[in-house]
PDB file of N, CA and C in Angstrom:
ATOM      1  N   MET A   1       0.931  -1.174  -0.073  1.00  0.00           N
ATOM      2  CA  MET A   1       0.076  -0.021  -0.074  1.00  0.00           C
ATOM      3  C   MET A   1       0.950   1.263  -0.081  1.00  0.00           C
ATOM      4  N   ARG A   2       0.562   2.168  -0.790  1.00  0.00           N
ATOM      5  CA  ARG A   2       1.262   3.417  -1.008  1.00  0.00           C
ATOM      6  C   ARG A   2       1.172   4.320   0.325  1.00  0.00           C
ATOM      7  N   GLU A   3       2.209   5.056   0.666  1.00  0.00           N
ATOM      8  CA  GLU A   3       2.088   5.824   1.776  1.00  0.00           C
ATOM      9  C   GLU A   3       1.162   7.081   1.548  1.00  0.00           C
ATOM     10  N   LEU A   4       0.305   7.493   2.376  1.00  0.00           N
ATOM     11  CA  LEU A   4      -0.613   8.666   2.015  1.00  0.00           C
ATOM     12  C   LEU A   4       0.148   9.849   1.681  1.00  0.00           C
ATOM     13  N   VAL A   5      -0.145  10.498   0.762  1.00  0.00           N
ATOM     14  CA  VAL A   5       0.557  11.723   0.293  1.00  0.00           C
ATOM     15  C   VAL A   5      -0.422  12.760   0.137  1.00  0.00           C
ATOM     16  N   ALA A   6      -0.254  14.061   0.436  1.00  0.00           N
ATOM     17  CA  ALA A   6      -1.180  15.195   0.159  1.00  0.00           C
ATOM     18  C   ALA A   6      -0.430  16.004  -0.698  1.00  0.00           C
ATOM     19  N   LEU A   7      -0.937  16.414  -1.884  1.00  0.00           N
ATOM     20  CA  LEU A   7      -0.438  17.301  -2.824  1.00  0.00           C
ATOM     21  C   LEU A   7      -1.314  18.530  -2.835  1.00  0.00           C
ATOM     22  N   TYR A   8      -0.763  19.740  -2.913  1.00  0.00           N
ATOM     23  CA  TYR A   8      -1.502  20.836  -2.880  1.00  0.00           C
ATOM     24  C   TYR A   8      -1.281  21.723  -4.241  1.00  0.00           C
ATOM     25  N   MET A   9      -2.391  21.983  -5.047  1.00  0.00           N
ATOM     26  CA  MET A   9      -2.308  22.559  -6.204  1.00  0.00           C
ATOM     27  C   MET A   9      -3.417  23.536  -6.170  1.00  0.00           C
ATOM     28  N   ALA A  10      -3.114  24.830  -6.532  1.00  0.00           N
ATOM     29  CA  ALA A  10      -4.093  25.986  -6.306  1.00  0.00           C
ATOM     30  C   ALA A  10      -4.692  25.930  -5.026  1.00  0.00           C
ATOM     31  N   SER A  11      -5.827  26.005  -4.849  1.00  0.00           N
ATOM     32  CA  SER A  11      -6.437  25.890  -3.372  1.00  0.00           C
ATOM     33  C   SER A  11      -7.052  24.517  -3.068  1.00  0.00           C
ATOM     34  N   PHE A  12      -6.551  23.509  -3.814  1.00  0.00           N
ATOM     35  CA  PHE A  12      -7.026  22.147  -3.655  1.00  0.00           C
ATOM     36  C   PHE A  12      -6.140  21.220  -3.021  1.00  0.00           C
ATOM     37  N   GLU A  13      -6.320  20.431  -2.029  1.00  0.00           N
ATOM     38  CA  GLU A  13      -5.644  19.379  -1.548  1.00  0.00           C
ATOM     39  C   GLU A  13      -5.931  18.052  -2.247  1.00  0.00           C
ATOM     40  N   PHE A  14      -4.893  17.360  -2.792  1.00  0.00           N
ATOM     41  CA  PHE A  14      -5.170  16.018  -3.328  1.00  0.00           C
ATOM     42  C   PHE A  14      -4.553  15.019  -2.532  1.00  0.00           C
ATOM     43  N   GLN A  15      -5.352  14.268  -1.819  1.00  0.00           N
ATOM     44  CA  GLN A  15      -4.858  13.282  -0.815  1.00  0.00           C
ATOM     45  C   GLN A  15      -5.094  11.879  -1.406  1.00  0.00           C
ATOM     46  N   SER A  16      -3.970  11.155  -1.382  1.00  0.00           N
ATOM     47  CA  SER A  16      -4.115   9.677  -1.932  1.00  0.00           C
ATOM     48  C   SER A  16      -4.834   8.925  -0.868  1.00  0.00           C
ATOM     49  N   CYS A  17      -5.628   8.027  -1.374  1.00  0.00           N
ATOM     50  CA  CYS A  17      -6.333   6.998  -0.656  1.00  0.00           C
ATOM     51  C   CYS A  17      -6.488   5.633  -1.402  1.00  0.00           C
ATOM     52  N   ARG A  18      -7.107   4.712  -0.727  1.00  0.00           N
ATOM     53  CA  ARG A  18      -7.499   3.390  -1.523  1.00  0.00           C
ATOM     54  C   ARG A  18      -9.002   3.370  -1.560  1.00  0.00           C
ATOM     55  N   LEU A  19      -9.385   2.982  -2.755  1.00  0.00           N
ATOM     56  CA  LEU A  19     -10.852   2.840  -3.086  1.00  0.00           C
ATOM     57  C   LEU A  19     -11.164   1.289  -3.191  1.00  0.00           C
ATOM     58  N   ALA A  20     -12.189   0.939  -2.361  1.00  0.00           N
ATOM     59  CA  ALA A  20     -12.572  -0.507  -2.351  1.00  0.00           C
ATOM     60  C   ALA A  20     -13.165  -0.871  -3.765  1.00  0.00           C
ATOM     61  N   THR A  21     -12.768  -2.104  -4.179  1.00  0.00           N
ATOM     62  CA  THR A  21     -13.265  -2.684  -5.505  1.00  0.00           C
ATOM     63  C   THR A  21     -13.615  -4.086  -5.227  1.00  0.00           C
ATOM     64  N   ARG A  22     -14.332  -4.833  -6.191  1.00  0.00           N
ATOM     65  CA  ARG A  22     -14.805  -6.215  -5.817  1.00  0.00           C
ATOM     66  C   ARG A  22     -13.539  -7.026  -5.620  1.00  0.00           C
ATOM     67  N   ASP A  23     -12.405  -6.621  -6.263  1.00  0.00           N
ATOM     68  CA  ASP A  23     -11.203  -7.704  -6.179  1.00  0.00           C
ATOM     69  C   ASP A  23     -10.165  -7.149  -5.143  1.00  0.00           C
ATOM     70  N   GLY A  24     -10.544  -6.145  -4.361  1.00  0.00           N
ATOM     71  CA  GLY A  24      -9.702  -5.619  -3.399  1.00  0.00           C
ATOM     72  C   GLY A  24      -9.879  -4.123  -3.319  1.00  0.00           C
ATOM     73  N   SER A  25      -8.706  -3.435  -3.714  1.00  0.00           N
ATOM     74  CA  SER A  25      -8.632  -2.028  -3.767  1.00  0.00           C
ATOM     75  C   SER A  25      -7.802  -1.404  -4.836  1.00  0.00           C
ATOM     76  N   GLU A  26      -7.981  -0.116  -5.011  1.00  0.00           N
ATOM     77  CA  GLU A  26      -7.058   0.554  -6.013  1.00  0.00           C
ATOM     78  C   GLU A  26      -6.842   1.924  -5.612  1.00  0.00           C
ATOM     79  N   GLU A  27      -5.779   2.502  -6.144  1.00  0.00           N
ATOM     80  CA  GLU A  27      -5.292   3.788  -5.830  1.00  0.00           C
ATOM     81  C   GLU A  27      -6.554   4.866  -6.116  1.00  0.00           C
ATOM     82  N   GLY A  28      -6.637   5.885  -5.345  1.00  0.00           N
ATOM     83  CA  GLY A  28      -7.608   6.896  -5.514  1.00  0.00           C
ATOM     84  C   GLY A  28      -7.099   8.268  -5.009  1.00  0.00           C
ATOM     85  N   VAL A  29      -7.844   9.329  -5.284  1.00  0.00           N
ATOM     86  CA  VAL A  29      -7.508  10.612  -4.830  1.00  0.00           C
ATOM     87  C   VAL A  29      -8.659  11.268  -4.346  1.00  0.00           C
ATOM     88  N   LEU A  30      -8.732  11.896  -3.105  1.00  0.00           N
ATOM     89  CA  LEU A  30      -9.668  12.781  -2.542  1.00  0.00           C
ATOM     90  C   LEU A  30      -9.323  14.157  -2.909  1.00  0.00           C
ATOM     91  N   CYS A  31     -10.260  14.980  -3.488  1.00  0.00           N
ATOM     92  CA  CYS A  31     -10.045  16.295  -3.870  1.00  0.00           C
ATOM     93  C   CYS A  31     -10.742  17.287  -2.745  1.00  0.00           C
ATOM     94  N   MET A  32      -9.986  17.932  -2.073  1.00  0.00           N
ATOM     95  CA  MET A  32     -10.627  18.671  -0.975  1.00  0.00           C
ATOM     96  C   MET A  32     -10.090  20.129  -0.989  1.00  0.00           C
ATOM     97  N   ARG A  33     -10.923  21.062  -0.523  1.00  0.00           N
ATOM     98  CA  ARG A  33     -10.593  22.458  -0.269  1.00  0.00           C
ATOM     99  C   ARG A  33     -11.250  22.831   1.034  1.00  0.00           C
ATOM    100  N   ASP A  34     -10.367  23.499   1.843  1.00  0.00           N
ATOM    101  CA  ASP A  34     -10.835  23.923   3.201  1.00  0.00           C
ATOM    102  C   ASP A  34     -11.554  22.828   4.015  1.00  0.00           C
ATOM    103  N   GLY A  35     -10.988  21.573   3.862  1.00  0.00           N
ATOM    104  CA  GLY A  35     -11.586  20.446   4.654  1.00  0.00           C
ATOM    105  C   GLY A  35     -12.877  19.867   4.063  1.00  0.00           C
ATOM    106  N   VAL A  36     -13.392  20.423   2.842  1.00  0.00           N
ATOM    107  CA  VAL A  36     -14.676  20.115   2.331  1.00  0.00           C
ATOM    108  C   VAL A  36     -14.144  19.165   0.973  1.00  0.00           C
ATOM    109  N   LEU A  37     -14.913  17.908   0.998  1.00  0.00           N
ATOM    110  CA  LEU A  37     -14.619  17.003  -0.103  1.00  0.00           C
ATOM    111  C   LEU A  37     -15.551  17.315  -1.304  1.00  0.00           C
ATOM    112  N   PHE A  38     -14.825  17.637  -2.575  1.00  0.00           N
ATOM    113  CA  PHE A  38     -15.558  17.969  -3.667  1.00  0.00           C
ATOM    114  C   PHE A  38     -15.568  16.813  -4.766  1.00  0.00           C
ATOM    115  N   ALA A  39     -14.643  15.882  -4.649  1.00  0.00           N
ATOM    116  CA  ALA A  39     -14.483  14.873  -5.781  1.00  0.00           C
ATOM    117  C   ALA A  39     -13.682  13.742  -5.311  1.00  0.00           C
ATOM    118  N   ILE A  40     -13.900  12.668  -5.924  1.00  0.00           N
ATOM    119  CA  ILE A  40     -13.044  11.427  -5.697  1.00  0.00           C
ATOM    120  C   ILE A  40     -12.583  10.978  -7.189  1.00  0.00           C
ATOM    121  N   LEU A  41     -11.301  10.894  -7.271  1.00  0.00           N
ATOM    122  CA  LEU A  41     -10.689  10.508  -8.611  1.00  0.00           C
ATOM    123  C   LEU A  41     -10.057   9.058  -8.472  1.00  0.00           C
ATOM    124  N   ALA A  42     -10.254   8.223  -9.653  1.00  0.00           N
ATOM    125  CA  ALA A  42      -9.664   6.988  -9.614  1.00  0.00           C
ATOM    126  C   ALA A  42      -8.761   6.974 -10.899  1.00  0.00           C
ATOM    127  N   PRO A  43      -7.845   5.993 -10.967  1.00  0.00           N
ATOM    128  CA  PRO A  43      -6.972   5.852 -12.127  1.00  0.00           C
ATOM    129  C   PRO A  43      -7.777   5.666 -13.392  1.00  0.00           C
ATOM    130  N   ALA A  44      -7.334   6.269 -14.454  1.00  0.00           N
ATOM    131  CA  ALA A  44      -7.971   5.989 -15.803  1.00  0.00           C
ATOM    132  C   ALA A  44      -6.820   5.326 -16.610  1.00  0.00           C
ATOM    133  N   GLY A  45      -7.158   4.188 -17.300  1.00  0.00           N
ATOM    134  CA  GLY A  45      -6.242   3.275 -18.106  1.00  0.00           C
ATOM    135  C   GLY A  45      -5.658   2.288 -17.301  1.00  0.00           C
ATOM    136  N   ALA A  46      -4.922   1.485 -18.007  1.00  0.00           N
ATOM    137  CA  ALA A  46      -4.348   0.188 -17.441  1.00  0.00           C
ATOM    138  C   ALA A  46      -3.090   0.620 -16.591  1.00  0.00           C
ATOM    139  N   ALA A  47      -2.860  -0.158 -15.658  1.00  0.00           N
ATOM    140  CA  ALA A  47      -1.718  -0.008 -14.591  1.00  0.00           C
ATOM    141  C   ALA A  47      -0.342   0.262 -15.387  1.00  0.00           C
ATOM    142  N   ASP A  48      -0.140  -0.347 -16.425  1.00  0.00           N
ATOM    143  CA  ASP A  48       1.216  -0.233 -17.073  1.00  0.00           C
ATOM    144  C   ASP A  48       1.267   1.021 -17.991  1.00  0.00           C
ATOM    145  N   GLU A  49       0.143   1.780 -18.184  1.00  0.00           N
ATOM    146  CA  GLU A  49       0.085   3.051 -18.915  1.00  0.00           C
ATOM    147  C   GLU A  49       0.400   4.267 -18.083  1.00  0.00           C
ATOM    148  N   GLU A  50       0.682   5.380 -18.766  1.00  0.00           N
ATOM    149  CA  GLU A  50       0.775   6.601 -17.990  1.00  0.00           C
ATOM    150  C   GLU A  50      -0.528   6.966 -17.469  1.00  0.00           C
ATOM    151  N   PRO A  51      -0.627   7.074 -16.146  1.00  0.00           N
ATOM    152  CA  PRO A  51      -2.032   7.247 -15.579  1.00  0.00           C
ATOM    153  C   PRO A  51      -2.653   8.649 -15.861  1.00  0.00           C
ATOM    154  N   GLY A  52      -3.856   8.625 -16.126  1.00  0.00           N
ATOM    155  CA  GLY A  52      -4.658   9.819 -16.041  1.00  0.00           C
ATOM    156  C   GLY A  52      -5.616   9.563 -14.882  1.00  0.00           C
ATOM    157  N   TRP A  53      -6.651  10.529 -14.774  1.00  0.00           N
ATOM    158  CA  TRP A  53      -7.501  10.485 -13.683  1.00  0.00           C
ATOM    159  C   TRP A  53      -9.023  10.584 -14.112  1.00  0.00           C
ATOM    160  N   TYR A  54      -9.733   9.592 -13.572  1.00  0.00           N
ATOM    161  CA  TYR A  54     -11.147   9.659 -13.896  1.00  0.00           C
ATOM    162  C   TYR A  54     -12.048  10.179 -12.731  1.00  0.00           C
ATOM    163  N   LEU A  55     -12.975  11.068 -13.136  1.00  0.00           N
ATOM    164  CA  LEU A  55     -13.850  11.644 -12.012  1.00  0.00           C
ATOM    165  C   LEU A  55     -14.898  10.535 -11.587  1.00  0.00           C
ATOM    166  N   HIS A  56     -14.516   9.881 -10.647  1.00  0.00           N
ATOM    167  CA  HIS A  56     -15.393   8.841 -10.131  1.00  0.00           C
ATOM    168  C   HIS A  56     -16.671   9.328  -9.592  1.00  0.00           C
ATOM    169  N   LEU A  57     -16.590  10.445  -8.709  1.00  0.00           N
ATOM    170  CA  LEU A  57     -17.804  10.872  -8.227  1.00  0.00           C
ATOM    171  C   LEU A  57     -17.377  12.429  -7.701  1.00  0.00           C
ATOM    172  N   GLY A  58     -18.388  13.317  -8.048  1.00  0.00           N
ATOM    173  CA  GLY A  58     -18.198  14.786  -7.656  1.00  0.00           C
ATOM    174  C   GLY A  58     -19.365  15.051  -6.747  1.00  0.00           C
ATOM    175  N   PHE A  59     -19.074  16.064  -5.960  1.00  0.00           N
ATOM    176  CA  PHE A  59     -20.164  16.546  -4.908  1.00  0.00           C
ATOM    177  C   PHE A  59     -20.390  17.975  -5.132  1.00  0.00           C
ATOM    178  N   GLY A  60     -21.576  18.532  -4.870  1.00  0.00           N
ATOM    179  CA  GLY A  60     -21.940  19.896  -4.948  1.00  0.00           C
ATOM    180  C   GLY A  60     -21.822  20.385  -6.319  1.00  0.00           C
ATOM    181  N   PRO A  61     -20.982  21.573  -6.493  1.00  0.00           N
ATOM    182  CA  PRO A  61     -20.882  22.135  -7.973  1.00  0.00           C
ATOM    183  C   PRO A  61     -20.098  21.274  -8.840  1.00  0.00           C
ATOM    184  N   CYS A  62     -19.473  20.282  -8.234  1.00  0.00           N
ATOM    185  CA  CYS A  62     -18.658  19.212  -8.999  1.00  0.00           C
ATOM    186  C   CYS A  62     -19.417  17.966  -9.360  1.00  0.00           C
ATOM    187  N   ASP A  63     -20.708  17.936  -9.104  1.00  0.00           N
ATOM    188  CA  ASP A  63     -21.550  16.756  -9.218  1.00  0.00           C
ATOM    189  C   ASP A  63     -21.587  16.335 -10.699  1.00  0.00           C
ATOM    190  N   ARG A  64     -20.592  15.581 -11.099  1.00  0.00           N
ATOM    191  CA  ARG A  64     -20.534  15.074 -12.519  1.00  0.00           C
ATOM    192  C   ARG A  64     -19.892  13.765 -12.350  1.00  0.00           C
ATOM    193  N   GLU A  65     -19.982  12.887 -13.408  1.00  0.00           N
ATOM    194  CA  GLU A  65     -19.283  11.707 -13.391  1.00  0.00           C
ATOM    195  C   GLU A  65     -18.626  11.429 -14.734  1.00  0.00           C
ATOM    196  N   GLY A  66     -17.594  10.650 -14.647  1.00  0.00           N
ATOM    197  CA  GLY A  66     -16.968  10.106 -16.011  1.00  0.00           C
ATOM    198  C   GLY A  66     -15.976  11.014 -16.821  1.00  0.00           C
ATOM    199  N   LEU A  67     -15.801  12.292 -16.256  1.00  0.00           N
ATOM    200  CA  LEU A  67     -14.642  13.075 -16.876  1.00  0.00           C
ATOM    201  C   LEU A  67     -13.372  12.344 -16.668  1.00  0.00           C
ATOM    202  N   ILE A  68     -12.462  12.586 -17.672  1.00  0.00           N
ATOM    203  CA  ILE A  68     -11.047  12.118 -17.626  1.00  0.00           C
ATOM    204  C   ILE A  68     -10.114  13.261 -17.654  1.00  0.00           C
ATOM    205  N   PHE A  69      -9.067  13.357 -16.803  1.00  0.00           N
ATOM    206  CA  PHE A  69      -8.046  14.334 -16.684  1.00  0.00           C
ATOM    207  C   PHE A  69      -6.666  13.686 -17.060  1.00  0.00           C
ATOM    208  N   ARG A  70      -5.842  14.380 -17.748  1.00  0.00           N
ATOM    209  CA  ARG A  70      -4.527  13.972 -18.056  1.00  0.00           C
ATOM    210  C   ARG A  70      -3.596  13.865 -16.771  1.00  0.00           C
ATOM    211  N   ASN A  71      -3.885  14.825 -15.937  1.00  0.00           N
ATOM    212  CA  ASN A  71      -3.181  14.838 -14.657  1.00  0.00           C
ATOM    213  C   ASN A  71      -3.888  15.602 -13.510  1.00  0.00           C
ATOM    214  N   LEU A  72      -3.394  15.712 -12.373  1.00  0.00           N
ATOM    215  CA  LEU A  72      -3.967  16.352 -11.289  1.00  0.00           C
ATOM    216  C   LEU A  72      -4.204  17.851 -11.378  1.00  0.00           C
ATOM    217  N   ASN A  73      -3.162  18.459 -12.190  1.00  0.00           N
ATOM    218  CA  ASN A  73      -3.201  19.875 -12.583  1.00  0.00           C
ATOM    219  C   ASN A  73      -4.503  20.168 -13.318  1.00  0.00           C
ATOM    220  N   GLU A  74      -4.720  19.270 -14.336  1.00  0.00           N
ATOM    221  CA  GLU A  74      -5.899  19.478 -15.156  1.00  0.00           C
ATOM    222  C   GLU A  74      -7.218  19.251 -14.384  1.00  0.00           C
ATOM    223  N   ALA A  75      -7.235  18.394 -13.557  1.00  0.00           N
ATOM    224  CA  ALA A  75      -8.353  18.149 -12.635  1.00  0.00           C
ATOM    225  C   ALA A  75      -8.654  19.251 -11.668  1.00  0.00           C
ATOM    226  N   GLY A  76      -7.528  19.913 -11.097  1.00  0.00           N
ATOM    227  CA  GLY A  76      -7.564  21.053 -10.296  1.00  0.00           C
ATOM    228  C   GLY A  76      -8.201  22.243 -11.038  1.00  0.00           C
ATOM    229  N   GLU A  77      -7.727  22.463 -12.191  1.00  0.00           N
ATOM    230  CA  GLU A  77      -8.302  23.590 -13.035  1.00  0.00           C
ATOM    231  C   GLU A  77      -9.698  23.282 -13.278  1.00  0.00           C
ATOM    232  N   TRP A  78     -10.241  22.019 -13.561  1.00  0.00           N
ATOM    233  CA  TRP A  78     -11.651  21.783 -13.795  1.00  0.00           C
ATOM    234  C   TRP A  78     -12.471  22.114 -12.495  1.00  0.00           C
ATOM    235  N   LEU A  79     -11.950  21.611 -11.469  1.00  0.00           N
ATOM    236  CA  LEU A  79     -12.661  21.842 -10.030  1.00  0.00           C
ATOM    237  C   LEU A  79     -12.834  23.272  -9.766  1.00  0.00           C
ATOM    238  N   GLU A  80     -11.799  24.124  -9.969  1.00  0.00           N
ATOM    239  CA  GLU A  80     -11.938  25.588  -9.744  1.00  0.00           C
ATOM    240  C   GLU A  80     -12.978  26.082 -10.660  1.00  0.00           C
ATOM    241  N   GLN A  81     -12.947  25.749 -11.864  1.00  0.00           N
ATOM    242  CA  GLN A  81     -13.914  26.203 -12.847  1.00  0.00           C
ATOM    243  C   GLN A  81     -15.325  25.840 -12.424  1.00  0.00           C
ATOM    244  N   ALA A  82     -15.571  24.613 -12.105  1.00  0.00           N
ATOM    245  CA  ALA A  82     -16.861  24.047 -11.684  1.00  0.00           C
ATOM    246  C   ALA A  82     -17.372  24.757 -10.358  1.00  0.00           C
ATOM    247  N   ILE A  83     -16.540  24.972  -9.576  1.00  0.00           N
ATOM    248  CA  ILE A  83     -17.012  25.718  -8.264  1.00  0.00           C
ATOM    249  C   ILE A  83     -17.372  27.170  -8.660  1.00  0.00           C
ATOM    250  N   ALA A  84     -16.430  27.931  -9.497  1.00  0.00           N
ATOM    251  CA  ALA A  84     -16.643  29.163  -9.828  1.00  0.00           C
ATOM    252  C   ALA A  84     -18.129  29.463 -10.530  1.00  0.00           C
ATOM    253  N   GLU A  85     -18.430  28.391 -11.380  1.00  0.00           N
ATOM    254  CA  GLU A  85     -19.599  28.392 -12.192  1.00  0.00           C
ATOM    255  C   GLU A  85     -20.820  28.120 -11.230  1.00  0.00           C
ATOM    256  N   GLY A  86     -20.640  27.523 -10.111  1.00  0.00           N
ATOM    257  CA  GLY A  86     -21.636  27.170  -9.233  1.00  0.00           C
ATOM    258  C   GLY A  86     -22.509  26.009  -9.731  1.00  0.00           C
TER     259      GLY A  86
END
């Protein structure tokens, strides 16, 4: 299991976590700002590929599913825009 790491980009904290699956668990990322959870990201693509991030679940103004981001910077930009648009 990977060590928990928190990355800070713009005003978001991206905290690594484990997401339960039917076969065990997989890496995931909690997207938080000021202690509020806005989204959960899961890896997009196969384990041997350069990972992107899939919006598994969004909350509040980020309530969408299925978006794919190339990296966490791109995800953070989208989160900021979704919140600004309300």
